[in-house]
Amino acid sequence: MDWDAPALTELMRGDGVPPRDPRSRAFTDRYTPLLFCVELSLLLAARALPQIPCDREIREVYRNIRRRPDSETGSRVGAVIWQALAFALANRPYSAREVDAVLLRLEHSVRFHERWPGGTEYVTFLRAMLLDGRSG
């Protein structure tokens, strides 16, 4: 089945306001489906690509989509993340402010795990958390 996804900004709807603290339980509980959709898609893409995307590339994709959600991402990883966001937004209502907060949290998560820009620690963390069942 083909789906011509509209622009991300067209899929963002509502006037939801994210919790102030992106590390809070309220934030995590509310946005788990969106976080899971994006991070699992990224992890599956990383397994399929010939080279694991580096932390810098992933961080830049999150930042670029947050700043310009309707522009081309310019990479395979960016396309996967964009498509995961489009799918999630088509299935659940999230406002532009909520999507911005989630992308900012994802960007910070990459930065937290990053040891050096060319490393792949974020993907390693996702693999451990989502596939191996531990949060190491």
Protein backbone atom coordinates (compact mmCIF):
# COMPACT_ATOMS: atom_id res chain seq x y z
CA MET A 1 0.00 0.00 0.00
CA ASP A 2 1.37 3.39 -0.97
CA TRP A 3 0.93 6.44 1.22
CA ASP A 4 1.91 9.89 0.07
CA ALA A 5 2.51 11.45 3.44
CA PRO A 6 1.67 15.12 3.77
CA ALA A 7 4.15 17.55 5.29
CA LEU A 8 4.89 16.93 8.96
CA THR A 9 3.46 20.32 9.90
CA GLU A 10 0.15 19.26 8.33
CA LEU A 11 0.15 16.13 10.50
CA MET A 12 0.82 18.07 13.70
CA ARG A 13 -2.50 18.94 15.27
CA GLY A 14 -3.96 20.08 18.49
CA ASP A 15 -2.68 22.53 21.03
CA GLY A 16 -1.09 20.12 23.50
CA VAL A 17 1.63 21.49 25.72
CA PRO A 18 4.44 19.15 26.79
CA PRO A 19 5.38 18.83 30.47
CA ARG A 20 8.10 21.29 31.48
CA ASP A 21 10.65 18.64 32.42
CA PRO A 22 11.44 16.33 29.49
CA ARG A 23 13.04 13.87 31.94
CA SER A 24 9.85 13.57 34.00
CA ARG A 25 7.69 10.48 34.22
CA ALA A 26 4.75 12.50 32.83
CA PHE A 27 6.76 13.30 29.69
CA THR A 28 7.88 9.71 29.21
CA ASP A 29 4.39 8.30 29.80
CA ARG A 30 2.74 10.71 27.39
CA TYR A 31 5.25 10.38 24.55
CA THR A 32 6.36 6.75 24.80
CA PRO A 33 4.49 5.75 21.61
CA LEU A 34 6.16 8.54 19.64
CA LEU A 35 9.61 7.95 21.14
CA PHE A 36 9.30 4.20 20.57
CA CYS A 37 8.19 4.61 16.95
CA VAL A 38 11.11 6.90 16.10
CA GLU A 39 13.80 5.03 18.01
CA LEU A 40 12.76 1.55 16.89
CA SER A 41 12.60 2.71 13.26
CA LEU A 42 16.06 4.21 13.61
CA LEU A 43 17.41 1.03 15.16
CA LEU A 44 15.93 -1.19 12.44
CA ALA A 45 17.32 1.10 9.76
CA ALA A 46 20.73 1.03 11.41
CA ARG A 47 20.69 -2.76 11.18
CA ALA A 48 19.77 -2.67 7.49
CA LEU A 49 22.19 0.04 6.35
CA PRO A 50 25.68 -0.92 5.22
CA GLN A 51 27.17 1.34 7.91
CA ILE A 52 25.72 2.18 11.33
CA PRO A 53 24.85 5.88 11.43
CA CYS A 54 27.10 7.86 13.74
CA ASP A 55 25.86 9.85 16.70
CA ARG A 56 26.59 13.18 15.02
CA GLU A 57 24.46 12.30 11.98
CA ILE A 58 21.53 11.18 14.13
CA ARG A 59 21.76 14.25 16.34
CA GLU A 60 21.83 16.51 13.28
CA VAL A 61 18.80 14.76 11.78
CA TYR A 62 16.79 15.30 14.98
CA ARG A 63 17.88 18.93 15.10
CA ASN A 64 17.16 19.59 11.42
CA ILE A 65 13.70 18.02 11.52
CA ARG A 66 12.94 19.98 14.67
CA ARG A 67 13.98 23.25 13.03
CA ARG A 68 12.58 22.58 9.53
CA PRO A 69 10.11 19.69 9.71
CA ASP A 70 9.02 19.96 6.08
CA SER A 71 12.43 20.12 4.42
CA GLU A 72 14.37 17.25 2.89
CA THR A 73 16.58 15.42 5.36
CA GLY A 74 19.30 14.59 2.84
CA SER A 75 20.13 11.14 4.21
CA ARG A 76 18.71 7.65 4.50
CA VAL A 77 18.66 7.93 8.27
CA GLY A 78 16.85 11.24 8.03
CA ALA A 79 14.28 9.75 5.66
CA VAL A 80 13.61 6.87 8.07
CA ILE A 81 13.20 9.18 11.05
CA TRP A 82 10.96 11.52 9.03
CA GLN A 83 8.78 8.59 7.92
CA ALA A 84 8.53 7.26 11.48
CA LEU A 85 7.41 10.69 12.67
CA ALA A 86 4.87 10.97 9.84
CA PHE A 87 3.45 7.55 10.69
CA ALA A 88 3.20 8.35 14.40
CA LEU A 89 1.66 11.77 13.76
CA ALA A 90 -0.89 10.28 11.37
CA ASN A 91 -2.02 7.86 14.05
CA ARG A 92 -2.06 10.07 17.16
CA PRO A 93 -2.60 13.77 17.62
CA TYR A 94 0.51 15.67 18.70
CA SER A 95 0.91 19.43 18.53
CA ALA A 96 3.90 21.18 16.98
CA ARG A 97 5.10 22.11 20.49
CA GLU A 98 4.92 18.47 21.57
CA VAL A 99 6.82 17.23 18.52
CA ASP A 100 9.46 19.90 19.08
CA ALA A 101 9.86 18.80 22.71
CA VAL A 102 10.17 15.13 21.73
CA LEU A 103 12.78 15.86 19.03
CA LEU A 104 14.73 18.02 21.46
CA ARG A 105 14.68 15.21 24.01
CA LEU A 106 15.88 12.74 21.37
CA GLU A 107 18.66 15.13 20.39
CA HIS A 108 19.72 15.43 24.03
CA SER A 109 19.61 11.66 24.41
CA VAL A 110 22.07 11.26 21.54
CA ARG A 111 24.31 13.91 23.07
CA PHE A 112 24.15 12.16 26.47
CA HIS A 113 25.33 8.83 25.01
CA GLU A 114 27.80 10.32 22.53
CA ARG A 115 31.46 9.81 23.43
CA TRP A 116 32.75 11.32 20.20
CA PRO A 117 30.84 12.55 17.11
CA GLY A 118 31.87 9.63 14.91
CA GLY A 119 30.87 7.02 17.48
CA THR A 120 27.78 4.84 17.46
CA GLU A 121 27.03 4.76 21.18
CA TYR A 122 23.43 5.94 20.73
CA VAL A 123 22.56 3.04 18.41
CA THR A 124 24.35 0.69 20.81
CA PHE A 125 22.20 2.08 23.65
CA LEU A 126 19.01 1.64 21.60
CA ARG A 127 19.96 -1.92 20.73
CA ALA A 128 20.51 -2.74 24.40
CA MET A 129 17.33 -1.02 25.51
CA LEU A 130 14.92 -2.11 22.78
CA LEU A 131 16.26 -5.43 21.55
CA ASP A 132 18.20 -6.86 24.46
CA GLY A 133 15.74 -5.63 27.11
CA ARG A 134 18.16 -3.74 29.32
CA SER A 135 18.71 -0.03 29.77
CA GLY A 136 22.48 -0.07 29.91
